[in-house]
Amino acid sequence: MVEEQARLRPLPFRPSEYPLRFPVRVGPTGWVLFRGVRYSMPAEAIGLTATLFLYPDRVQMMTDRHNVAHPRTPSNGVSTLPTHAASALAAVSGRRAQTYYKRQRLLEVGPSAEAFLTELVHARPNTWNWDVHRLFEMLLEHGPERMGTVFQEAVERGWHGAEMVELWLKQKVEGIA
């Protein structure tokens, strides 16, 4: 052991720069599920095999045409890039399919989104579609963490509409209490 240690050289890279590699497949909705966390990929990658590179602070997924990086542990268990949501939406045809795609993306924000959307659909059974389209736009603009907070606030206050969420976000962005 002593003889071998004398011959060892330092690694040419730091351990934090060397990722573990895992084969993954991009699912039919453009997501890669890895160890309970979902990472988005562009719609063009749906069905492709990819290699997931696992670093201490991030994951990087590569196919023959795509190279996507995400934080390793997003706070809500879902990491999505706005460009991926837009490309997936463009790949979905038909207004009804787009509405359900947007609703699904909103539900992925977390339990507060599910509670809010459940109340929304019950409170506005004939007009909830418009709310979903508007909420999806807000999701792309503000991100899932902020929207999760807003949905929780809306549930606690008994709000049932995109206009109240939009007003709350506007007030928070402008710094109004």
N, C-alpha and C. Protein backbone atom coordinates (compact mmCIF):
# COMPACT_ATOMS: atom_id res chain seq x y z
N MET A 1 0.82 -1.18 0.00
CA MET A 1 0.00 0.00 0.00
C MET A 1 0.88 1.27 0.00
N VAL A 2 1.93 1.24 0.82
CA VAL A 2 2.82 2.39 0.90
C VAL A 2 3.52 2.60 -0.44
N GLU A 3 3.97 1.52 -1.08
CA GLU A 3 4.62 1.62 -2.38
C GLU A 3 3.67 2.20 -3.42
N GLU A 4 2.44 1.75 -3.42
CA GLU A 4 1.46 2.24 -4.39
C GLU A 4 1.15 3.71 -4.18
N GLN A 5 1.01 4.15 -2.94
CA GLN A 5 0.69 5.55 -2.66
C GLN A 5 1.79 6.47 -3.17
N ALA A 6 3.01 6.05 -3.13
CA ALA A 6 4.11 6.88 -3.61
C ALA A 6 4.03 7.09 -5.12
N ARG A 7 3.41 6.17 -5.85
CA ARG A 7 3.31 6.27 -7.30
C ARG A 7 2.05 6.98 -7.77
N LEU A 8 1.12 7.21 -6.87
CA LEU A 8 -0.15 7.85 -7.27
C LEU A 8 0.07 9.32 -7.62
N ARG A 9 -0.67 9.78 -8.61
CA ARG A 9 -0.64 11.18 -9.01
C ARG A 9 -2.00 11.80 -8.73
N PRO A 10 -2.06 13.12 -8.62
CA PRO A 10 -3.37 13.75 -8.42
C PRO A 10 -4.23 13.60 -9.67
N LEU A 11 -5.52 13.58 -9.47
CA LEU A 11 -6.45 13.50 -10.60
C LEU A 11 -6.32 14.75 -11.46
N PRO A 12 -6.53 14.63 -12.76
CA PRO A 12 -6.44 15.81 -13.64
C PRO A 12 -7.64 16.74 -13.52
N PHE A 13 -8.62 16.39 -12.68
CA PHE A 13 -9.82 17.21 -12.49
C PHE A 13 -10.28 17.07 -11.04
N ARG A 14 -11.08 18.01 -10.62
CA ARG A 14 -11.63 17.94 -9.27
C ARG A 14 -12.81 16.96 -9.27
N PRO A 15 -13.04 16.25 -8.19
CA PRO A 15 -14.17 15.30 -8.15
C PRO A 15 -15.52 15.97 -8.46
N SER A 16 -15.69 17.23 -8.09
CA SER A 16 -16.95 17.92 -8.36
C SER A 16 -17.17 18.18 -9.84
N GLU A 17 -16.10 18.06 -10.65
CA GLU A 17 -16.21 18.27 -12.09
C GLU A 17 -16.42 16.96 -12.85
N TYR A 18 -16.45 15.86 -12.15
CA TYR A 18 -16.63 14.57 -12.80
C TYR A 18 -18.03 14.04 -12.48
N PRO A 19 -18.90 13.97 -13.46
CA PRO A 19 -20.27 13.55 -13.18
C PRO A 19 -20.45 12.03 -13.24
N LEU A 20 -21.48 11.58 -12.55
CA LEU A 20 -21.95 10.21 -12.75
C LEU A 20 -22.84 10.24 -13.99
N ARG A 21 -22.88 9.16 -14.74
CA ARG A 21 -23.64 9.13 -15.99
C ARG A 21 -24.74 8.08 -15.90
N PHE A 22 -25.93 8.47 -16.38
CA PHE A 22 -27.07 7.57 -16.36
C PHE A 22 -27.81 7.65 -17.69
N PRO A 23 -28.18 6.52 -18.27
CA PRO A 23 -29.02 6.57 -19.47
C PRO A 23 -30.45 6.87 -19.05
N VAL A 24 -31.11 7.77 -19.78
CA VAL A 24 -32.50 8.13 -19.49
C VAL A 24 -33.25 8.24 -20.82
N ARG A 25 -34.55 8.28 -20.74
CA ARG A 25 -35.39 8.47 -21.92
C ARG A 25 -36.31 9.65 -21.66
N VAL A 26 -36.45 10.51 -22.67
CA VAL A 26 -37.36 11.64 -22.57
C VAL A 26 -38.77 11.11 -22.80
N GLY A 27 -39.64 11.35 -21.82
CA GLY A 27 -40.99 10.81 -21.86
C GLY A 27 -41.89 11.47 -22.90
N PRO A 28 -43.11 10.99 -23.04
CA PRO A 28 -44.03 11.48 -24.07
C PRO A 28 -44.52 12.91 -23.84
N THR A 29 -44.29 13.45 -22.66
CA THR A 29 -44.66 14.85 -22.41
C THR A 29 -43.44 15.76 -22.31
N GLY A 30 -42.26 15.24 -22.66
CA GLY A 30 -41.06 16.06 -22.68
C GLY A 30 -40.34 16.14 -21.35
N TRP A 31 -40.56 15.17 -20.47
CA TRP A 31 -39.93 15.19 -19.15
C TRP A 31 -38.99 14.00 -19.00
N VAL A 32 -37.95 14.20 -18.22
CA VAL A 32 -37.08 13.13 -17.77
C VAL A 32 -37.28 13.02 -16.27
N LEU A 33 -37.66 11.85 -15.81
CA LEU A 33 -37.84 11.60 -14.38
C LEU A 33 -36.59 10.89 -13.89
N PHE A 34 -35.94 11.50 -12.89
CA PHE A 34 -34.72 10.91 -12.35
C PHE A 34 -34.71 11.09 -10.85
N ARG A 35 -34.74 9.97 -10.13
CA ARG A 35 -34.71 9.97 -8.66
C ARG A 35 -35.77 10.89 -8.06
N GLY A 36 -36.96 10.82 -8.60
CA GLY A 36 -38.09 11.57 -8.05
C GLY A 36 -38.18 13.02 -8.48
N VAL A 37 -37.25 13.48 -9.29
CA VAL A 37 -37.27 14.87 -9.78
C VAL A 37 -37.54 14.83 -11.27
N ARG A 38 -38.37 15.77 -11.73
CA ARG A 38 -38.66 15.85 -13.15
C ARG A 38 -37.95 17.05 -13.76
N TYR A 39 -37.29 16.79 -14.88
CA TYR A 39 -36.53 17.81 -15.60
C TYR A 39 -37.12 17.93 -17.01
N SER A 40 -37.31 19.16 -17.47
CA SER A 40 -37.89 19.36 -18.79
C SER A 40 -36.85 19.23 -19.89
N MET A 41 -37.34 18.84 -21.05
CA MET A 41 -36.54 18.78 -22.27
C MET A 41 -37.37 19.39 -23.38
N PRO A 42 -36.76 19.83 -24.47
CA PRO A 42 -37.54 20.38 -25.58
C PRO A 42 -38.46 19.32 -26.19
N ALA A 43 -39.56 19.76 -26.77
CA ALA A 43 -40.53 18.85 -27.37
C ALA A 43 -39.88 17.99 -28.46
N GLU A 44 -38.90 18.52 -29.14
CA GLU A 44 -38.23 17.78 -30.20
C GLU A 44 -37.47 16.56 -29.66
N ALA A 45 -37.24 16.52 -28.36
CA ALA A 45 -36.50 15.41 -27.75
C ALA A 45 -37.42 14.30 -27.25
N ILE A 46 -38.73 14.48 -27.36
CA ILE A 46 -39.67 13.48 -26.86
C ILE A 46 -39.37 12.13 -27.48
N GLY A 47 -39.26 11.12 -26.61
CA GLY A 47 -39.00 9.76 -27.06
C GLY A 47 -37.54 9.41 -27.27
N LEU A 48 -36.67 10.40 -27.21
CA LEU A 48 -35.24 10.13 -27.44
C LEU A 48 -34.55 9.59 -26.19
N THR A 49 -33.51 8.84 -26.41
CA THR A 49 -32.64 8.40 -25.33
C THR A 49 -31.62 9.50 -25.08
N ALA A 50 -31.33 9.74 -23.82
CA ALA A 50 -30.36 10.78 -23.46
C ALA A 50 -29.41 10.23 -22.41
N THR A 51 -28.34 10.96 -22.19
CA THR A 51 -27.43 10.66 -21.09
C THR A 51 -27.57 11.78 -20.08
N LEU A 52 -27.84 11.41 -18.84
CA LEU A 52 -27.94 12.37 -17.75
C LEU A 52 -26.62 12.37 -17.00
N PHE A 53 -26.00 13.54 -16.92
CA PHE A 53 -24.76 13.72 -16.18
C PHE A 53 -25.12 14.33 -14.84
N LEU A 54 -24.82 13.61 -13.77
CA LEU A 54 -25.19 14.03 -12.43
C LEU A 54 -23.99 14.66 -11.72
N TYR A 55 -24.08 15.97 -11.50
CA TYR A 55 -23.06 16.73 -10.77
C TYR A 55 -23.59 17.01 -9.37
N PRO A 56 -22.74 17.45 -8.45
CA PRO A 56 -23.23 17.78 -7.11
C PRO A 56 -24.31 18.87 -7.10
N ASP A 57 -24.22 19.84 -8.01
CA ASP A 57 -25.14 20.98 -7.98
C ASP A 57 -26.09 21.06 -9.17
N ARG A 58 -25.93 20.20 -10.17
CA ARG A 58 -26.76 20.30 -11.37
C ARG A 58 -26.84 18.96 -12.08
N VAL A 59 -27.79 18.88 -13.01
CA VAL A 59 -27.83 17.76 -13.93
C VAL A 59 -27.72 18.34 -15.34
N GLN A 60 -27.13 17.59 -16.20
CA GLN A 60 -27.01 17.98 -17.59
C GLN A 60 -27.45 16.78 -18.41
N MET A 61 -28.37 17.03 -19.35
CA MET A 61 -28.88 15.94 -20.18
C MET A 61 -28.51 16.21 -21.63
N MET A 62 -28.00 15.17 -22.28
CA MET A 62 -27.56 15.34 -23.66
C MET A 62 -28.15 14.25 -24.54
N THR A 63 -28.66 14.70 -25.69
CA THR A 63 -29.02 13.79 -26.77
C THR A 63 -28.10 14.14 -27.93
N ASP A 64 -28.35 13.56 -29.07
CA ASP A 64 -27.51 13.90 -30.22
C ASP A 64 -27.70 15.34 -30.67
N ARG A 65 -28.86 15.97 -30.32
CA ARG A 65 -29.13 17.35 -30.77
C ARG A 65 -29.36 18.34 -29.63
N HIS A 66 -29.48 17.87 -28.41
CA HIS A 66 -29.85 18.75 -27.30
C HIS A 66 -28.87 18.61 -26.15
N ASN A 67 -28.62 19.73 -25.49
CA ASN A 67 -27.77 19.78 -24.31
C ASN A 67 -28.44 20.71 -23.32
N VAL A 68 -29.01 20.15 -22.25
CA VAL A 68 -29.83 20.92 -21.33
C VAL A 68 -29.31 20.77 -19.90
N ALA A 69 -29.19 21.89 -19.20
CA ALA A 69 -28.73 21.86 -17.80
C ALA A 69 -29.84 22.38 -16.88
N HIS A 70 -29.98 21.76 -15.72
CA HIS A 70 -30.95 22.13 -14.71
C HIS A 70 -30.28 22.10 -13.33
N PRO A 71 -30.82 22.83 -12.36
CA PRO A 71 -30.33 22.64 -10.98
C PRO A 71 -30.65 21.21 -10.54
N ARG A 72 -29.79 20.63 -9.74
CA ARG A 72 -29.98 19.22 -9.37
C ARG A 72 -31.21 19.01 -8.51
N THR A 73 -31.44 19.88 -7.56
CA THR A 73 -32.57 19.68 -6.65
C THR A 73 -33.45 20.93 -6.60
N PRO A 74 -34.37 21.07 -7.54
CA PRO A 74 -35.28 22.22 -7.49
C PRO A 74 -36.18 22.10 -6.26
N SER A 75 -36.62 23.23 -5.74
CA SER A 75 -37.36 23.24 -4.47
C SER A 75 -38.67 22.47 -4.54
N ASN A 76 -39.33 22.45 -5.68
CA ASN A 76 -40.63 21.77 -5.76
C ASN A 76 -40.54 20.42 -6.48
N GLY A 77 -39.34 19.93 -6.77
CA GLY A 77 -39.19 18.63 -7.41
C GLY A 77 -39.38 18.65 -8.91
N VAL A 78 -39.55 19.84 -9.48
CA VAL A 78 -39.75 19.98 -10.92
C VAL A 78 -38.87 21.12 -11.40
N SER A 79 -38.07 20.86 -12.43
CA SER A 79 -37.25 21.91 -13.02
C SER A 79 -37.63 22.02 -14.49
N THR A 80 -38.13 23.18 -14.85
CA THR A 80 -38.54 23.40 -16.23
C THR A 80 -37.96 24.70 -16.74
N LEU A 81 -37.64 24.72 -18.00
CA LEU A 81 -37.16 25.93 -18.64
C LEU A 81 -38.30 26.49 -19.48
N PRO A 82 -38.53 27.81 -19.44
CA PRO A 82 -39.65 28.39 -20.20
C PRO A 82 -39.64 28.04 -21.69
N THR A 83 -38.48 27.93 -22.28
CA THR A 83 -38.42 27.59 -23.71
C THR A 83 -38.94 26.18 -23.96
N HIS A 84 -38.77 25.29 -22.99
CA HIS A 84 -39.28 23.93 -23.15
C HIS A 84 -40.80 23.91 -23.09
N ALA A 85 -41.36 24.71 -22.19
CA ALA A 85 -42.82 24.78 -22.11
C ALA A 85 -43.40 25.31 -23.41
N ALA A 86 -42.76 26.32 -23.98
CA ALA A 86 -43.25 26.91 -25.22
C ALA A 86 -43.13 25.92 -26.38
N SER A 87 -42.03 25.17 -26.45
CA SER A 87 -41.86 24.22 -27.56
C SER A 87 -42.83 23.06 -27.42
N ALA A 88 -43.08 22.62 -26.19
CA ALA A 88 -44.04 21.53 -25.99
C ALA A 88 -45.45 21.99 -26.33
N LEU A 89 -45.77 23.22 -25.96
CA LEU A 89 -47.09 23.75 -26.28
C LEU A 89 -47.27 23.85 -27.79
N ALA A 90 -46.24 24.24 -28.50
CA ALA A 90 -46.32 24.34 -29.96
C ALA A 90 -46.51 22.96 -30.59
N ALA A 91 -46.01 21.93 -29.93
CA ALA A 91 -46.13 20.57 -30.47
C ALA A 91 -47.52 19.98 -30.24
N VAL A 92 -48.26 20.56 -29.29
CA VAL A 92 -49.61 20.07 -28.99
C VAL A 92 -50.58 20.75 -29.95
N SER A 93 -51.38 19.96 -30.64
CA SER A 93 -52.31 20.56 -31.59
C SER A 93 -53.72 20.59 -31.03
N GLY A 94 -54.46 21.59 -31.39
CA GLY A 94 -55.84 21.73 -30.96
C GLY A 94 -55.97 22.54 -29.68
N ARG A 95 -56.99 23.37 -29.62
CA ARG A 95 -57.20 24.24 -28.46
C ARG A 95 -57.42 23.45 -27.19
N ARG A 96 -58.23 22.40 -27.26
CA ARG A 96 -58.50 21.61 -26.06
C ARG A 96 -57.22 20.94 -25.55
N ALA A 97 -56.44 20.39 -26.45
CA ALA A 97 -55.18 19.75 -26.05
C ALA A 97 -54.24 20.77 -25.42
N GLN A 98 -54.21 21.98 -25.97
CA GLN A 98 -53.36 23.02 -25.40
C GLN A 98 -53.83 23.42 -24.00
N THR A 99 -55.13 23.51 -23.83
CA THR A 99 -55.67 23.85 -22.50
C THR A 99 -55.28 22.80 -21.48
N TYR A 100 -55.42 21.54 -21.82
CA TYR A 100 -55.09 20.48 -20.88
C TYR A 100 -53.57 20.38 -20.65
N TYR A 101 -52.79 20.68 -21.66
CA TYR A 101 -51.34 20.72 -21.49
C TYR A 101 -50.97 21.82 -20.49
N LYS A 102 -51.56 23.00 -20.69
CA LYS A 102 -51.27 24.13 -19.79
C LYS A 102 -51.71 23.81 -18.36
N ARG A 103 -52.89 23.21 -18.23
CA ARG A 103 -53.37 22.85 -16.89
C ARG A 103 -52.41 21.87 -16.23
N GLN A 104 -51.93 20.89 -16.99
CA GLN A 104 -50.99 19.91 -16.44
C GLN A 104 -49.71 20.59 -15.98
N ARG A 105 -49.20 21.52 -16.76
CA ARG A 105 -47.98 22.24 -16.37
C ARG A 105 -48.21 23.04 -15.10
N LEU A 106 -49.40 23.62 -14.95
CA LEU A 106 -49.72 24.35 -13.72
C LEU A 106 -49.80 23.40 -12.54
N LEU A 107 -50.41 22.24 -12.73
CA LEU A 107 -50.52 21.27 -11.64
C LEU A 107 -49.14 20.82 -11.15
N GLU A 108 -48.17 20.82 -12.03
CA GLU A 108 -46.82 20.39 -11.67
C GLU A 108 -46.11 21.36 -10.75
N VAL A 109 -46.69 22.54 -10.54
CA VAL A 109 -46.10 23.50 -9.60
C VAL A 109 -46.12 22.93 -8.19
N GLY A 110 -47.14 22.12 -7.86
CA GLY A 110 -47.19 21.50 -6.55
C GLY A 110 -48.59 21.44 -5.98
N PRO A 111 -48.69 21.00 -4.72
CA PRO A 111 -50.00 20.82 -4.08
C PRO A 111 -50.85 22.10 -4.01
N SER A 112 -50.20 23.24 -3.83
CA SER A 112 -50.97 24.48 -3.76
C SER A 112 -51.63 24.79 -5.10
N ALA A 113 -50.97 24.45 -6.20
CA ALA A 113 -51.55 24.65 -7.53
C ALA A 113 -52.73 23.72 -7.73
N GLU A 114 -52.58 22.49 -7.29
CA GLU A 114 -53.68 21.53 -7.42
C GLU A 114 -54.90 22.00 -6.62
N ALA A 115 -54.68 22.48 -5.41
CA ALA A 115 -55.79 22.97 -4.59
C ALA A 115 -56.45 24.18 -5.25
N PHE A 116 -55.65 25.10 -5.76
CA PHE A 116 -56.20 26.29 -6.41
C PHE A 116 -56.99 25.92 -7.66
N LEU A 117 -56.42 25.09 -8.52
CA LEU A 117 -57.10 24.73 -9.77
C LEU A 117 -58.37 23.92 -9.52
N THR A 118 -58.36 23.08 -8.50
CA THR A 118 -59.57 22.34 -8.15
C THR A 118 -60.69 23.30 -7.78
N GLU A 119 -60.39 24.28 -6.94
CA GLU A 119 -61.40 25.27 -6.55
C GLU A 119 -61.81 26.12 -7.74
N LEU A 120 -60.87 26.47 -8.60
CA LEU A 120 -61.16 27.27 -9.78
C LEU A 120 -62.16 26.56 -10.69
N VAL A 121 -61.91 25.29 -10.98
CA VAL A 121 -62.80 24.54 -11.87
C VAL A 121 -64.20 24.42 -11.27
N HIS A 122 -64.29 24.24 -9.95
CA HIS A 122 -65.61 24.15 -9.31
C HIS A 122 -66.31 25.51 -9.27
N ALA A 123 -65.55 26.57 -9.06
CA ALA A 123 -66.15 27.91 -8.97
C ALA A 123 -66.53 28.45 -10.34
N ARG A 124 -65.78 28.07 -11.37
CA ARG A 124 -66.01 28.59 -12.73
C ARG A 124 -66.08 27.44 -13.73
N PRO A 125 -67.09 26.60 -13.64
CA PRO A 125 -67.13 25.40 -14.48
C PRO A 125 -67.19 25.69 -15.99
N ASN A 126 -67.70 26.85 -16.38
CA ASN A 126 -67.84 27.15 -17.80
C ASN A 126 -66.76 28.08 -18.35
N THR A 127 -65.96 28.67 -17.47
CA THR A 127 -64.99 29.67 -17.94
C THR A 127 -63.57 29.44 -17.44
N TRP A 128 -63.30 28.30 -16.79
CA TRP A 128 -61.97 28.07 -16.22
C TRP A 128 -60.89 27.99 -17.29
N ASN A 129 -61.25 27.68 -18.52
CA ASN A 129 -60.25 27.58 -19.59
C ASN A 129 -59.45 28.87 -19.75
N TRP A 130 -60.17 30.00 -19.76
CA TRP A 130 -59.49 31.29 -19.90
C TRP A 130 -58.50 31.49 -18.76
N ASP A 131 -58.92 31.15 -17.55
CA ASP A 131 -58.04 31.30 -16.38
C ASP A 131 -56.77 30.46 -16.54
N VAL A 132 -56.92 29.24 -17.02
CA VAL A 132 -55.77 28.36 -17.20
C VAL A 132 -54.79 28.95 -18.20
N HIS A 133 -55.29 29.49 -19.31
CA HIS A 133 -54.40 30.09 -20.30
C HIS A 133 -53.63 31.27 -19.69
N ARG A 134 -54.33 32.11 -18.95
CA ARG A 134 -53.69 33.28 -18.34
C ARG A 134 -52.69 32.86 -17.25
N LEU A 135 -53.07 31.89 -16.42
CA LEU A 135 -52.17 31.40 -15.37
C LEU A 135 -50.90 30.78 -15.96
N PHE A 136 -51.04 30.10 -17.09
CA PHE A 136 -49.88 29.51 -17.76
C PHE A 136 -48.91 30.61 -18.21
N GLU A 137 -49.44 31.70 -18.74
CA GLU A 137 -48.59 32.83 -19.13
C GLU A 137 -47.84 33.38 -17.92
N MET A 138 -48.54 33.47 -16.79
CA MET A 138 -47.90 33.95 -15.56
C MET A 138 -46.83 32.98 -15.10
N LEU A 139 -47.09 31.68 -15.25
CA LEU A 139 -46.10 30.66 -14.88
C LEU A 139 -44.81 30.84 -15.69
N LEU A 140 -44.96 31.07 -16.97
CA LEU A 140 -43.78 31.28 -17.81
C LEU A 140 -43.03 32.55 -17.41
N GLU A 141 -43.77 33.56 -17.02
CA GLU A 141 -43.15 34.84 -16.67
C GLU A 141 -42.51 34.83 -15.30
N HIS A 142 -43.16 34.20 -14.31
CA HIS A 142 -42.72 34.30 -12.91
C HIS A 142 -42.06 33.04 -12.37
N GLY A 143 -42.25 31.89 -13.02
CA GLY A 143 -41.61 30.66 -12.57
C GLY A 143 -42.43 29.89 -11.56
N PRO A 144 -42.12 28.60 -11.40
CA PRO A 144 -42.92 27.74 -10.53
C PRO A 144 -42.83 28.06 -9.04
N GLU A 145 -41.69 28.53 -8.56
CA GLU A 145 -41.58 28.82 -7.13
C GLU A 145 -42.49 29.96 -6.72
N ARG A 146 -42.42 31.05 -7.48
CA ARG A 146 -43.27 32.20 -7.15
C ARG A 146 -44.75 31.85 -7.33
N MET A 147 -45.08 31.11 -8.38
CA MET A 147 -46.47 30.74 -8.61
C MET A 147 -46.98 29.82 -7.51
N GLY A 148 -46.12 28.94 -7.00
CA GLY A 148 -46.53 28.09 -5.88
C GLY A 148 -46.91 28.91 -4.67
N THR A 149 -46.14 29.95 -4.40
CA THR A 149 -46.45 30.85 -3.29
C THR A 149 -47.76 31.57 -3.52
N VAL A 150 -47.96 32.04 -4.75
CA VAL A 150 -49.19 32.76 -5.09
C VAL A 150 -50.40 31.83 -4.98
N PHE A 151 -50.27 30.61 -5.47
CA PHE A 151 -51.39 29.67 -5.38
C PHE A 151 -51.75 29.39 -3.93
N GLN A 152 -50.74 29.25 -3.07
CA GLN A 152 -51.01 29.02 -1.65
C GLN A 152 -51.75 30.20 -1.05
N GLU A 153 -51.30 31.39 -1.37
CA GLU A 153 -51.96 32.61 -0.88
C GLU A 153 -53.40 32.67 -1.39
N ALA A 154 -53.61 32.35 -2.64
CA ALA A 154 -54.95 32.39 -3.22
C ALA A 154 -55.89 31.39 -2.55
N VAL A 155 -55.39 30.20 -2.27
CA VAL A 155 -56.21 29.19 -1.60
C VAL A 155 -56.59 29.67 -0.20
N GLU A 156 -55.61 30.22 0.52
CA GLU A 156 -55.87 30.70 1.88
C GLU A 156 -56.88 31.85 1.90
N ARG A 157 -56.88 32.68 0.86
CA ARG A 157 -57.78 33.82 0.79
C ARG A 157 -59.11 33.51 0.11
N GLY A 158 -59.22 32.31 -0.46
CA GLY A 158 -60.46 31.93 -1.13
C GLY A 158 -60.63 32.54 -2.50
N TRP A 159 -59.53 32.88 -3.16
CA TRP A 159 -59.61 33.47 -4.51
C TRP A 159 -59.83 32.36 -5.52
N HIS A 160 -60.63 32.67 -6.57
CA HIS A 160 -60.92 31.68 -7.60
C HIS A 160 -60.81 32.30 -8.97
N GLY A 161 -59.69 32.86 -9.32
CA GLY A 161 -59.56 33.42 -10.65
C GLY A 161 -58.16 33.92 -10.95
N ALA A 162 -57.84 33.89 -12.23
CA ALA A 162 -56.52 34.35 -12.68
C ALA A 162 -56.34 35.84 -12.42
N GLU A 163 -57.43 36.60 -12.49
CA GLU A 163 -57.31 38.05 -12.31
C GLU A 163 -56.82 38.41 -10.91
N MET A 164 -57.23 37.63 -9.89
CA MET A 164 -56.76 37.89 -8.53
C MET A 164 -55.29 37.51 -8.38
N VAL A 165 -54.91 36.42 -8.99
CA VAL A 165 -53.49 36.00 -8.96
C VAL A 165 -52.63 37.04 -9.66
N GLU A 166 -53.11 37.53 -10.80
CA GLU A 166 -52.37 38.53 -11.56
C GLU A 166 -52.23 39.82 -10.76
N LEU A 167 -53.28 40.24 -10.10
CA LEU A 167 -53.24 41.45 -9.28
C LEU A 167 -52.24 41.28 -8.13
N TRP A 168 -52.27 40.13 -7.47
CA TRP A 168 -51.35 39.87 -6.36
C TRP A 168 -49.91 39.90 -6.85
N LEU A 169 -49.64 39.27 -7.99
CA LEU A 169 -48.29 39.27 -8.54
C LEU A 169 -47.84 40.68 -8.89
N LYS A 170 -48.73 41.46 -9.49
CA LYS A 170 -48.39 42.83 -9.87
C LYS A 170 -48.04 43.66 -8.64
N GLN A 171 -48.82 43.49 -7.58
CA GLN A 171 -48.54 44.23 -6.35
C GLN A 171 -47.22 43.82 -5.74
N LYS A 172 -46.90 42.53 -5.76
CA LYS A 172 -45.63 42.06 -5.19
C LYS A 172 -44.44 42.54 -6.01
N VAL A 173 -44.59 42.53 -7.33
CA VAL A 173 -43.50 42.98 -8.21
C VAL A 173 -43.24 44.47 -8.02
N GLU A 174 -44.32 45.23 -7.87
CA GLU A 174 -44.18 46.69 -7.70
C GLU A 174 -43.88 47.07 -6.25
N GLY A 175 -43.92 46.08 -5.34
CA GLY A 175 -43.59 46.37 -3.95
C GLY A 175 -44.74 46.94 -3.14
N ILE A 176 -45.96 46.77 -3.63
CA ILE A 176 -47.13 47.27 -2.90
C ILE A 176 -47.59 46.18 -1.96
N ALA A 177 -47.95 46.52 -0.76
CA ALA A 177 -48.40 45.52 0.21
C ALA A 177 -49.77 44.98 -0.13
